[in-house]
PDB file of N, CA and C in Angstrom:
ATOM      1  N   MET A   1       0.845  -1.183   0.000  1.00  0.00           N
ATOM      2  CA  MET A   1       0.000   0.000   0.000  1.00  0.00           C
ATOM      3  C   MET A   1       0.886   1.239   0.000  1.00  0.00           C
ATOM      4  N   THR A   2       0.633   2.115  -0.928  1.00  0.00           N
ATOM      5  CA  THR A   2       1.439   3.326  -1.033  1.00  0.00           C
ATOM      6  C   THR A   2       0.671   4.500  -0.443  1.00  0.00           C
ATOM      7  N   ASP A   3       1.412   5.407   0.121  1.00  0.00           N
ATOM      8  CA  ASP A   3       0.822   6.611   0.715  1.00  0.00           C
ATOM      9  C   ASP A   3       0.897   7.727  -0.317  1.00  0.00           C
ATOM     10  N   THR A   4      -0.251   8.282  -0.687  1.00  0.00           N
ATOM     11  CA  THR A   4      -0.285   9.309  -1.725  1.00  0.00           C
ATOM     12  C   THR A   4      -0.254  10.722  -1.158  1.00  0.00           C
ATOM     13  N   THR A   5      -0.188  10.865   0.148  1.00  0.00           N
ATOM     14  CA  THR A   5      -0.169  12.213   0.720  1.00  0.00           C
ATOM     15  C   THR A   5       1.227  12.793   0.626  1.00  0.00           C
ATOM     16  N   THR A   6       1.291  14.073   0.443  1.00  0.00           N
ATOM     17  CA  THR A   6       2.576  14.760   0.388  1.00  0.00           C
ATOM     18  C   THR A   6       2.963  15.198   1.792  1.00  0.00           C
ATOM     19  N   PRO A   7       4.217  15.433   2.031  1.00  0.00           N
ATOM     20  CA  PRO A   7       4.641  15.827   3.376  1.00  0.00           C
ATOM     21  C   PRO A   7       4.052  17.169   3.829  1.00  0.00           C
ATOM     22  N   ASN A   8       3.698  18.040   2.891  1.00  0.00           N
ATOM     23  CA  ASN A   8       3.180  19.356   3.247  1.00  0.00           C
ATOM     24  C   ASN A   8       1.657  19.398   3.358  1.00  0.00           C
ATOM     25  N   SER A   9       0.994  18.288   3.096  1.00  0.00           N
ATOM     26  CA  SER A   9      -0.472  18.315   3.170  1.00  0.00           C
ATOM     27  C   SER A   9      -0.913  18.326   4.620  1.00  0.00           C
ATOM     28  N   ARG A  10      -1.978  19.079   4.895  1.00  0.00           N
ATOM     29  CA  ARG A  10      -2.499  19.185   6.249  1.00  0.00           C
ATOM     30  C   ARG A  10      -3.823  18.454   6.318  1.00  0.00           C
ATOM     31  N   SER A  11      -4.151  17.971   7.492  1.00  0.00           N
ATOM     32  CA  SER A  11      -5.386  17.218   7.650  1.00  0.00           C
ATOM     33  C   SER A  11      -6.592  18.153   7.589  1.00  0.00           C
ATOM     34  N   LEU A  12      -7.752  17.565   7.450  1.00  0.00           N
ATOM     35  CA  LEU A  12      -8.997  18.325   7.390  1.00  0.00           C
ATOM     36  C   LEU A  12      -9.224  19.119   8.666  1.00  0.00           C
ATOM     37  N   VAL A  13      -8.895  18.522   9.796  1.00  0.00           N
ATOM     38  CA  VAL A  13      -9.113  19.195  11.076  1.00  0.00           C
ATOM     39  C   VAL A  13      -8.230  20.428  11.196  1.00  0.00           C
ATOM     40  N   VAL A  14      -6.966  20.287  10.844  1.00  0.00           N
ATOM     41  CA  VAL A  14      -6.038  21.413  10.959  1.00  0.00           C
ATOM     42  C   VAL A  14      -6.373  22.497   9.945  1.00  0.00           C
ATOM     43  N   LYS A  15      -6.744  22.080   8.750  1.00  0.00           N
ATOM     44  CA  LYS A  15      -6.958  23.043   7.670  1.00  0.00           C
ATOM     45  C   LYS A  15      -8.281  23.795   7.790  1.00  0.00           C
ATOM     46  N   PHE A  16      -9.354  23.100   8.150  1.00  0.00           N
ATOM     47  CA  PHE A  16     -10.661  23.737   8.132  1.00  0.00           C
ATOM     48  C   PHE A  16     -11.272  23.959   9.512  1.00  0.00           C
ATOM     49  N   LEU A  17     -11.076  23.026  10.422  1.00  0.00           N
ATOM     50  CA  LEU A  17     -11.694  23.162  11.737  1.00  0.00           C
ATOM     51  C   LEU A  17     -10.804  23.880  12.745  1.00  0.00           C
ATOM     52  N   GLY A  18      -9.504  23.854  12.549  1.00  0.00           N
ATOM     53  CA  GLY A  18      -8.583  24.525  13.453  1.00  0.00           C
ATOM     54  C   GLY A  18      -8.812  26.019  13.573  1.00  0.00           C
ATOM     55  N   PRO A  19      -9.030  26.750  12.478  1.00  0.00           N
ATOM     56  CA  PRO A  19      -9.275  28.188  12.591  1.00  0.00           C
ATOM     57  C   PRO A  19     -10.586  28.553  13.292  1.00  0.00           C
ATOM     58  N   LEU A  20     -11.478  27.588  13.481  1.00  0.00           N
ATOM     59  CA  LEU A  20     -12.740  27.901  14.155  1.00  0.00           C
ATOM     60  C   LEU A  20     -12.554  28.159  15.654  1.00  0.00           C
ATOM     61  N   VAL A  21     -11.487  27.645  16.241  1.00  0.00           N
ATOM     62  CA  VAL A  21     -11.259  27.844  17.675  1.00  0.00           C
ATOM     63  C   VAL A  21     -10.980  29.315  17.987  1.00  0.00           C
ATOM     64  N   PRO A  22      -9.987  29.964  17.358  1.00  0.00           N
ATOM     65  CA  PRO A  22      -9.803  31.387  17.654  1.00  0.00           C
ATOM     66  C   PRO A  22     -10.945  32.255  17.151  1.00  0.00           C
ATOM     67  N   LEU A  23     -11.547  31.872  16.023  1.00  0.00           N
ATOM     68  CA  LEU A  23     -12.686  32.647  15.530  1.00  0.00           C
ATOM     69  C   LEU A  23     -13.879  32.535  16.469  1.00  0.00           C
ATOM     70  N   GLY A  24     -14.087  31.356  17.028  1.00  0.00           N
ATOM     71  CA  GLY A  24     -15.180  31.175  17.978  1.00  0.00           C
ATOM     72  C   GLY A  24     -14.965  31.968  19.245  1.00  0.00           C
ATOM     73  N   SER A  25     -13.734  31.972  19.749  1.00  0.00           N
ATOM     74  CA  SER A  25     -13.426  32.738  20.951  1.00  0.00           C
ATOM     75  C   SER A  25     -13.593  34.236  20.702  1.00  0.00           C
ATOM     76  N   ALA A  26     -13.057  34.715  19.608  1.00  0.00           N
ATOM     77  CA  ALA A  26     -13.192  36.142  19.291  1.00  0.00           C
ATOM     78  C   ALA A  26     -14.638  36.506  18.982  1.00  0.00           C
ATOM     79  N   GLY A  27     -15.361  35.618  18.319  1.00  0.00           N
ATOM     80  CA  GLY A  27     -16.780  35.877  18.042  1.00  0.00           C
ATOM     81  C   GLY A  27     -17.605  35.957  19.311  1.00  0.00           C
ATOM     82  N   PHE A  28     -17.301  35.085  20.269  1.00  0.00           N
ATOM     83  CA  PHE A  28     -17.992  35.145  21.560  1.00  0.00           C
ATOM     84  C   PHE A  28     -17.673  36.450  22.275  1.00  0.00           C
ATOM     85  N   GLY A  29     -16.416  36.906  22.187  1.00  0.00           N
ATOM     86  CA  GLY A  29     -16.044  38.177  22.796  1.00  0.00           C
ATOM     87  C   GLY A  29     -16.750  39.351  22.155  1.00  0.00           C
ATOM     88  N   VAL A  30     -16.862  39.341  20.838  1.00  0.00           N
ATOM     89  CA  VAL A  30     -17.585  40.418  20.140  1.00  0.00           C
ATOM     90  C   VAL A  30     -19.062  40.389  20.519  1.00  0.00           C
ATOM     91  N   TRP A  31     -19.633  39.191  20.632  1.00  0.00           N
ATOM     92  CA  TRP A  31     -21.035  39.083  21.039  1.00  0.00           C
ATOM     93  C   TRP A  31     -21.240  39.635  22.451  1.00  0.00           C
ATOM     94  N   LEU A  32     -20.300  39.357  23.344  1.00  0.00           N
ATOM     95  CA  LEU A  32     -20.392  39.904  24.699  1.00  0.00           C
ATOM     96  C   LEU A  32     -20.306  41.423  24.689  1.00  0.00           C
ATOM     97  N   LEU A  33     -19.415  41.966  23.873  1.00  0.00           N
ATOM     98  CA  LEU A  33     -19.276  43.426  23.811  1.00  0.00           C
ATOM     99  C   LEU A  33     -20.543  44.095  23.288  1.00  0.00           C
ATOM    100  N   PHE A  34     -21.155  43.510  22.275  1.00  0.00           N
ATOM    101  CA  PHE A  34     -22.326  44.146  21.679  1.00  0.00           C
ATOM    102  C   PHE A  34     -23.621  43.863  22.431  1.00  0.00           C
ATOM    103  N   SER A  35     -23.717  42.712  23.076  1.00  0.00           N
ATOM    104  CA  SER A  35     -24.962  42.404  23.786  1.00  0.00           C
ATOM    105  C   SER A  35     -25.029  43.110  25.132  1.00  0.00           C
ATOM    106  N   GLY A  36     -23.906  43.235  25.828  1.00  0.00           N
ATOM    107  CA  GLY A  36     -23.894  43.952  27.091  1.00  0.00           C
ATOM    108  C   GLY A  36     -24.342  43.137  28.291  1.00  0.00           C
ATOM    109  N   ARG A  37     -24.643  41.855  28.120  1.00  0.00           N
ATOM    110  CA  ARG A  37     -24.996  41.010  29.248  1.00  0.00           C
ATOM    111  C   ARG A  37     -24.747  39.556  28.887  1.00  0.00           C
ATOM    112  N   TYR A  38     -24.529  38.751  29.922  1.00  0.00           N
ATOM    113  CA  TYR A  38     -24.269  37.332  29.729  1.00  0.00           C
ATOM    114  C   TYR A  38     -25.016  36.573  30.815  1.00  0.00           C
ATOM    115  N   VAL A  39     -25.817  35.602  30.420  1.00  0.00           N
ATOM    116  CA  VAL A  39     -26.594  34.798  31.358  1.00  0.00           C
ATOM    117  C   VAL A  39     -25.872  33.469  31.542  1.00  0.00           C
ATOM    118  N   TYR A  40     -25.610  33.141  32.787  1.00  0.00           N
ATOM    119  CA  TYR A  40     -24.880  31.917  33.130  1.00  0.00           C
ATOM    120  C   TYR A  40     -25.730  31.096  34.090  1.00  0.00           C
ATOM    121  N   ARG A  41     -25.866  29.828  33.811  1.00  0.00           N
ATOM    122  CA  ARG A  41     -26.629  28.924  34.681  1.00  0.00           C
ATOM    123  C   ARG A  41     -25.664  27.914  35.295  1.00  0.00           C
ATOM    124  N   PRO A  42     -25.128  28.232  36.494  1.00  0.00           N
ATOM    125  CA  PRO A  42     -24.136  27.338  37.090  1.00  0.00           C
ATOM    126  C   PRO A  42     -24.758  26.052  37.627  1.00  0.00           C
ATOM    127  N   GLY A  43     -24.056  24.962  37.443  1.00  0.00           N
ATOM    128  CA  GLY A  43     -24.482  23.681  37.997  1.00  0.00           C
ATOM    129  C   GLY A  43     -25.765  23.162  37.399  1.00  0.00           C
ATOM    130  N   ARG A  44     -26.427  22.308  38.165  1.00  0.00           N
ATOM    131  CA  ARG A  44     -27.672  21.693  37.694  1.00  0.00           C
ATOM    132  C   ARG A  44     -28.898  22.315  38.321  1.00  0.00           C
ATOM    133  N   SER A  45     -28.720  23.385  39.030  1.00  0.00           N
ATOM    134  CA  SER A  45     -29.866  24.033  39.672  1.00  0.00           C
ATOM    135  C   SER A  45     -30.544  24.981  38.687  1.00  0.00           C
ATOM    136  N   ASN A  46     -31.612  25.581  39.129  1.00  0.00           N
ATOM    137  CA  ASN A  46     -32.339  26.543  38.300  1.00  0.00           C
ATOM    138  C   ASN A  46     -31.845  27.968  38.522  1.00  0.00           C
ATOM    139  N   ALA A  47     -30.761  28.123  39.260  1.00  0.00           N
ATOM    140  CA  ALA A  47     -30.222  29.450  39.531  1.00  0.00           C
ATOM    141  C   ALA A  47     -29.685  30.077  38.246  1.00  0.00           C
ATOM    142  N   VAL A  48     -29.840  31.369  38.134  1.00  0.00           N
ATOM    143  CA  VAL A  48     -29.367  32.111  36.964  1.00  0.00           C
ATOM    144  C   VAL A  48     -28.521  33.273  37.450  1.00  0.00           C
ATOM    145  N   LEU A  49     -27.360  33.433  36.842  1.00  0.00           N
ATOM    146  CA  LEU A  49     -26.470  34.539  37.140  1.00  0.00           C
ATOM    147  C   LEU A  49     -26.331  35.373  35.876  1.00  0.00           C
ATOM    148  N   VAL A  50     -26.619  36.657  35.970  1.00  0.00           N
ATOM    149  CA  VAL A  50     -26.527  37.546  34.815  1.00  0.00           C
ATOM    150  C   VAL A  50     -25.377  38.511  35.054  1.00  0.00           C
ATOM    151  N   LEU A  51     -24.395  38.468  34.188  1.00  0.00           N
ATOM    152  CA  LEU A  51     -23.251  39.365  34.269  1.00  0.00           C
ATOM    153  C   LEU A  51     -23.570  40.611  33.450  1.00  0.00           C
ATOM    154  N   LEU A  52     -23.467  41.771  34.069  1.00  0.00           N
ATOM    155  CA  LEU A  52     -23.842  43.039  33.429  1.00  0.00           C
ATOM    156  C   LEU A  52     -22.604  43.901  33.188  1.00  0.00           C
ATOM    157  N   PRO A  53     -22.757  44.993  32.398  1.00  0.00           N
ATOM    158  CA  PRO A  53     -21.629  45.903  32.177  1.00  0.00           C
ATOM    159  C   PRO A  53     -21.174  46.510  33.491  1.00  0.00           C
ATOM    160  N   PRO A  54     -19.948  46.826  33.694  1.00  0.00           N
ATOM    161  CA  PRO A  54     -18.801  46.762  32.788  1.00  0.00           C
ATOM    162  C   PRO A  54     -18.097  45.408  32.769  1.00  0.00           C
ATOM    163  N   ASP A  55     -18.521  44.486  33.633  1.00  0.00           N
ATOM    164  CA  ASP A  55     -17.831  43.202  33.711  1.00  0.00           C
ATOM    165  C   ASP A  55     -17.966  42.385  32.438  1.00  0.00           C
ATOM    166  N   VAL A  56     -19.094  42.482  31.785  1.00  0.00           N
ATOM    167  CA  VAL A  56     -19.264  41.722  30.549  1.00  0.00           C
ATOM    168  C   VAL A  56     -18.391  42.305  29.440  1.00  0.00           C
ATOM    169  N   TYR A  57     -18.117  43.603  29.474  1.00  0.00           N
ATOM    170  CA  TYR A  57     -17.218  44.201  28.490  1.00  0.00           C
ATOM    171  C   TYR A  57     -15.777  43.738  28.718  1.00  0.00           C
ATOM    172  N   ILE A  58     -15.400  43.626  29.976  1.00  0.00           N
ATOM    173  CA  ILE A  58     -14.060  43.113  30.292  1.00  0.00           C
ATOM    174  C   ILE A  58     -13.939  41.662  29.842  1.00  0.00           C
ATOM    175  N   ALA A  59     -14.982  40.875  30.083  1.00  0.00           N
ATOM    176  CA  ALA A  59     -14.975  39.479  29.646  1.00  0.00           C
ATOM    177  C   ALA A  59     -14.937  39.390  28.127  1.00  0.00           C
ATOM    178  N   GLY A  60     -15.658  40.265  27.431  1.00  0.00           N
ATOM    179  CA  GLY A  60     -15.626  40.276  25.971  1.00  0.00           C
ATOM    180  C   GLY A  60     -14.247  40.585  25.428  1.00  0.00           C
ATOM    181  N   ALA A  61     -13.592  41.578  26.018  1.00  0.00           N
ATOM    182  CA  ALA A  61     -12.224  41.905  25.593  1.00  0.00           C
ATOM    183  C   ALA A  61     -11.280  40.747  25.887  1.00  0.00           C
ATOM    184  N   PHE A  62     -11.479  40.070  27.019  1.00  0.00           N
ATOM    185  CA  PHE A  62     -10.653  38.910  27.361  1.00  0.00           C
ATOM    186  C   PHE A  62     -10.767  37.829  26.292  1.00  0.00           C
ATOM    187  N   PHE A  63     -11.984  37.528  25.847  1.00  0.00           N
ATOM    188  CA  PHE A  63     -12.156  36.470  24.851  1.00  0.00           C
ATOM    189  C   PHE A  63     -11.620  36.883  23.479  1.00  0.00           C
ATOM    190  N   ILE A  64     -11.676  38.152  23.144  1.00  0.00           N
ATOM    191  CA  ILE A  64     -11.085  38.611  21.880  1.00  0.00           C
ATOM    192  C   ILE A  64      -9.572  38.449  21.924  1.00  0.00           C
ATOM    193  N   PHE A  65      -8.955  38.873  23.021  1.00  0.00           N
ATOM    194  CA  PHE A  65      -7.508  38.722  23.155  1.00  0.00           C
ATOM    195  C   PHE A  65      -7.103  37.252  23.246  1.00  0.00           C
ATOM    196  N   LEU A  66      -7.945  36.432  23.854  1.00  0.00           N
ATOM    197  CA  LEU A  66      -7.672  35.000  23.905  1.00  0.00           C
ATOM    198  C   LEU A  66      -7.709  34.401  22.496  1.00  0.00           C
ATOM    199  N   GLY A  67      -8.628  34.880  21.670  1.00  0.00           N
ATOM    200  CA  GLY A  67      -8.669  34.444  20.272  1.00  0.00           C
ATOM    201  C   GLY A  67      -7.402  34.827  19.526  1.00  0.00           C
ATOM    202  N   LEU A  68      -6.871  36.027  19.782  1.00  0.00           N
ATOM    203  CA  LEU A  68      -5.603  36.433  19.167  1.00  0.00           C
ATOM    204  C   LEU A  68      -4.460  35.535  19.630  1.00  0.00           C
ATOM    205  N   LEU A  69      -4.472  35.202  20.916  1.00  0.00           N
ATOM    206  CA  LEU A  69      -3.424  34.343  21.464  1.00  0.00           C
ATOM    207  C   LEU A  69      -3.465  32.950  20.842  1.00  0.00           C
ATOM    208  N   VAL A  70      -4.641  32.384  20.700  1.00  0.00           N
ATOM    209  CA  VAL A  70      -4.773  31.056  20.102  1.00  0.00           C
ATOM    210  C   VAL A  70      -4.442  31.102  18.607  1.00  0.00           C
ATOM    211  N   ALA A  71      -4.799  32.194  17.935  1.00  0.00           N
ATOM    212  CA  ALA A  71      -4.479  32.319  16.512  1.00  0.00           C
ATOM    213  C   ALA A  71      -2.976  32.393  16.286  1.00  0.00           C
ATOM    214  N   ALA A  72      -2.246  32.953  17.236  1.00  0.00           N
ATOM    215  CA  ALA A  72      -0.794  33.060  17.089  1.00  0.00           C
ATOM    216  C   ALA A  72      -0.123  31.698  17.120  1.00  0.00           C
ATOM    217  N   ILE A  73      -0.766  30.718  17.735  1.00  0.00           N
ATOM    218  CA  ILE A  73      -0.171  29.380  17.805  1.00  0.00           C
ATOM    219  C   ILE A  73      -0.084  28.753  16.418  1.00  0.00           C
ATOM    220  N   GLY A  74      -1.055  29.020  15.564  1.00  0.00           N
ATOM    221  CA  GLY A  74      -1.081  28.413  14.238  1.00  0.00           C
ATOM    222  C   GLY A  74      -0.398  29.216  13.166  1.00  0.00           C
ATOM    223  N   MET A  75       0.326  30.267  13.521  1.00  0.00           N
ATOM    224  CA  MET A  75       0.963  31.119  12.526  1.00  0.00           C
ATOM    225  C   MET A  75       2.470  31.095  12.698  1.00  0.00           C
ATOM    226  N   SER A  76       3.152  31.657  11.736  1.00  0.00           N
ATOM    227  CA  SER A  76       4.603  31.791  11.839  1.00  0.00           C
ATOM    228  C   SER A  76       4.997  33.164  11.319  1.00  0.00           C
ATOM    229  N   GLY A  77       6.166  33.604  11.694  1.00  0.00           N
ATOM    230  CA  GLY A  77       6.666  34.894  11.235  1.00  0.00           C
ATOM    231  C   GLY A  77       6.475  35.983  12.264  1.00  0.00           C
ATOM    232  N   LYS A  78       6.701  37.235  11.817  1.00  0.00           N
ATOM    233  CA  LYS A  78       6.605  38.376  12.731  1.00  0.00           C
ATOM    234  C   LYS A  78       5.179  38.603  13.212  1.00  0.00           C
ATOM    235  N   ARG A  79       4.219  38.326  12.358  1.00  0.00           N
ATOM    236  CA  ARG A  79       2.826  38.540  12.740  1.00  0.00           C
ATOM    237  C   ARG A  79       2.427  37.624  13.884  1.00  0.00           C
ATOM    238  N   SER A  80       2.972  36.427  13.931  1.00  0.00           N
ATOM    239  CA  SER A  80       2.620  35.509  15.006  1.00  0.00           C
ATOM    240  C   SER A  80       3.132  36.028  16.344  1.00  0.00           C
ATOM    241  N   TRP A  81       4.335  36.603  16.351  1.00  0.00           N
ATOM    242  CA  TRP A  81       4.843  37.149  17.613  1.00  0.00           C
ATOM    243  C   TRP A  81       4.031  38.347  18.052  1.00  0.00           C
ATOM    244  N   TRP A  82       3.620  39.198  17.111  1.00  0.00           N
ATOM    245  CA  TRP A  82       2.783  40.340  17.454  1.00  0.00           C
ATOM    246  C   TRP A  82       1.455  39.863  18.031  1.00  0.00           C
ATOM    247  N   LEU A  83       0.820  38.912  17.362  1.00  0.00           N
ATOM    248  CA  LEU A  83      -0.446  38.372  17.873  1.00  0.00           C
ATOM    249  C   LEU A  83      -0.257  37.697  19.219  1.00  0.00           C
ATOM    250  N   PHE A  84       0.846  36.988  19.403  1.00  0.00           N
ATOM    251  CA  PHE A  84       1.091  36.305  20.664  1.00  0.00           C
ATOM    252  C   PHE A  84       1.229  37.303  21.810  1.00  0.00           C
ATOM    253  N   TYR A  85       2.068  38.315  21.630  1.00  0.00           N
ATOM    254  CA  TYR A  85       2.292  39.271  22.714  1.00  0.00           C
ATOM    255  C   TYR A  85       1.066  40.136  22.996  1.00  0.00           C
ATOM    256  N   VAL A  86       0.377  40.574  21.961  1.00  0.00           N
ATOM    257  CA  VAL A  86      -0.834  41.360  22.167  1.00  0.00           C
ATOM    258  C   VAL A  86      -1.914  40.496  22.816  1.00  0.00           C
ATOM    259  N   GLY A  87      -2.083  39.273  22.336  1.00  0.00           N
ATOM    260  CA  GLY A  87      -3.071  38.373  22.917  1.00  0.00           C
ATOM    261  C   GLY A  87      -2.763  38.007  24.346  1.00  0.00           C
ATOM    262  N   LEU A  88      -1.503  37.719  24.635  1.00  0.00           N
ATOM    263  CA  LEU A  88      -1.106  37.369  25.999  1.00  0.00           C
ATOM    264  C   LEU A  88      -1.276  38.544  26.940  1.00  0.00           C
ATOM    265  N   THR A  89      -0.827  39.724  26.534  1.00  0.00           N
ATOM    266  CA  THR A  89      -0.948  40.908  27.380  1.00  0.00           C
ATOM    267  C   THR A  89      -2.401  41.266  27.628  1.00  0.00           C
ATOM    268  N   GLY A  90      -3.205  41.281  26.570  1.00  0.00           N
ATOM    269  CA  GLY A  90      -4.613  41.637  26.720  1.00  0.00           C
ATOM    270  C   GLY A  90      -5.393  40.634  27.542  1.00  0.00           C
ATOM    271  N   SER A  91      -5.145  39.345  27.318  1.00  0.00           N
ATOM    272  CA  SER A  91      -5.897  38.345  28.077  1.00  0.00           C
ATOM    273  C   SER A  91      -5.472  38.324  29.540  1.00  0.00           C
ATOM    274  N   LEU A  92      -4.183  38.484  29.832  1.00  0.00           N
ATOM    275  CA  LEU A  92      -3.747  38.549  31.226  1.00  0.00           C
ATOM    276  C   LEU A  92      -4.278  39.800  31.924  1.00  0.00           C
ATOM    277  N   LEU A  93      -4.282  40.920  31.218  1.00  0.00           N
ATOM    278  CA  LEU A  93      -4.806  42.155  31.800  1.00  0.00           C
ATOM    279  C   LEU A  93      -6.301  42.040  32.057  1.00  0.00           C
ATOM    280  N   GLY A  94      -7.055  41.536  31.076  1.00  0.00           N
ATOM    281  CA  GLY A  94      -8.501  41.363  31.261  1.00  0.00           C
ATOM    282  C   GLY A  94      -8.831  40.388  32.371  1.00  0.00           C
ATOM    283  N   PHE A  95      -8.085  39.290  32.439  1.00  0.00           N
ATOM    284  CA  PHE A  95      -8.318  38.300  33.490  1.00  0.00           C
ATOM    285  C   PHE A  95      -7.998  38.868  34.867  1.00  0.00           C
ATOM    286  N   SER A  96      -6.877  39.596  34.972  1.00  0.00           N
ATOM    287  CA  SER A  96      -6.501  40.130  36.276  1.00  0.00           C
ATOM    288  C   SER A  96      -7.455  41.234  36.738  1.00  0.00           C
ATOM    289  N   VAL A  97      -7.918  42.067  35.815  1.00  0.00           N
ATOM    290  CA  VAL A  97      -8.876  43.116  36.188  1.00  0.00           C
ATOM    291  C   VAL A  97     -10.196  42.490  36.633  1.00  0.00           C
ATOM    292  N   GLU A  98     -10.679  41.512  35.903  1.00  0.00           N
ATOM    293  CA  GLU A  98     -11.945  40.869  36.278  1.00  0.00           C
ATOM    294  C   GLU A  98     -11.797  40.081  37.577  1.00  0.00           C
ATOM    295  N   ALA A  99     -10.659  39.430  37.760  1.00  0.00           N
ATOM    296  CA  ALA A  99     -10.431  38.716  39.019  1.00  0.00           C
ATOM    297  C   ALA A  99     -10.385  39.688  40.188  1.00  0.00           C
ATOM    298  N   TRP A 100      -9.729  40.825  39.998  1.00  0.00           N
ATOM    299  CA  TRP A 100      -9.689  41.830  41.062  1.00  0.00           C
ATOM    300  C   TRP A 100     -11.083  42.347  41.381  1.00  0.00           C
ATOM    301  N   ARG A 101     -11.902  42.577  40.356  1.00  0.00           N
ATOM    302  CA  ARG A 101     -13.271  43.064  40.587  1.00  0.00           C
ATOM    303  C   ARG A 101     -14.104  42.016  41.318  1.00  0.00           C
ATOM    304  N   GLN A 102     -13.894  40.747  40.996  1.00  0.00           N
ATOM    305  CA  GLN A 102     -14.636  39.681  41.689  1.00  0.00           C
ATOM    306  C   GLN A 102     -14.209  39.590  43.154  1.00  0.00           C
ATOM    307  N   ILE A 103     -12.917  39.624  43.410  1.00  0.00           N
ATOM    308  CA  ILE A 103     -12.404  39.523  44.769  1.00  0.00           C
ATOM    309  C   ILE A 103     -12.799  40.736  45.614  1.00  0.00           C
ATOM    310  N   ALA A 104     -12.744  41.923  45.009  1.00  0.00           N
ATOM    311  CA  ALA A 104     -13.077  43.149  45.740  1.00  0.00           C
ATOM    312  C   ALA A 104     -14.574  43.345  45.925  1.00  0.00           C
ATOM    313  N   GLY A 105     -15.378  42.499  45.259  1.00  0.00           N
ATOM    314  CA  GLY A 105     -16.829  42.622  45.386  1.00  0.00           C
ATOM    315  C   GLY A 105     -17.422  43.736  44.552  1.00  0.00           C
ATOM    316  N   LEU A 106     -16.718  44.140  43.509  1.00  0.00           N
ATOM    317  CA  LEU A 106     -17.192  45.228  42.639  1.00  0.00           C
ATOM    318  C   LEU A 106     -17.917  44.724  41.405  1.00  0.00           C
ATOM    319  N   ALA A 107     -17.976  43.412  41.218  1.00  0.00           N
ATOM    320  CA  ALA A 107     -18.619  42.856  40.022  1.00  0.00           C
ATOM    321  C   ALA A 107     -20.107  43.170  40.036  1.00  0.00           C
ATOM    322  N   VAL A 108     -20.652  43.420  38.849  1.00  0.00           N
ATOM    323  CA  VAL A 108     -22.053  43.826  38.713  1.00  0.00           C
ATOM    324  C   VAL A 108     -22.874  42.637  38.237  1.00  0.00           C
ATOM    325  N   TYR A 109     -23.775  42.177  39.080  1.00  0.00           N
ATOM    326  CA  TYR A 109     -24.667  41.072  38.745  1.00  0.00           C
ATOM    327  C   TYR A 109     -26.104  41.577  38.697  1.00  0.00           C
ATOM    328  N   GLY A 110     -26.897  40.941  37.866  1.00  0.00           N
ATOM    329  CA  GLY A 110     -28.298  41.338  37.773  1.00  0.00           C
ATOM    330  C   GLY A 110     -29.211  40.282  38.305  1.00  0.00           C
TER     331      GLY A 110
END
């Protein structure tokens, strides 16, 4: 049995489904920014937690920067380093600001 694939060919998952991960993360972040609220149902109970602005805007920016960070993994060259550093800085900043707001009790819930 001979293998007809070339060494440079990429699988279907890497070629078509791989880019959906950063696009999905960034799309979720854009949706959070434009909708202005996020409804979360923790656990198996009927409890509902609604995250309101400005916390949902911080979370939206976090997911956009996380999408940039994940996109940098699949790239090469100078653009990948730019995306990596911007994504890492933005996601760490967004995470730390939101964590500080949660710990300090400043988070806005509805």
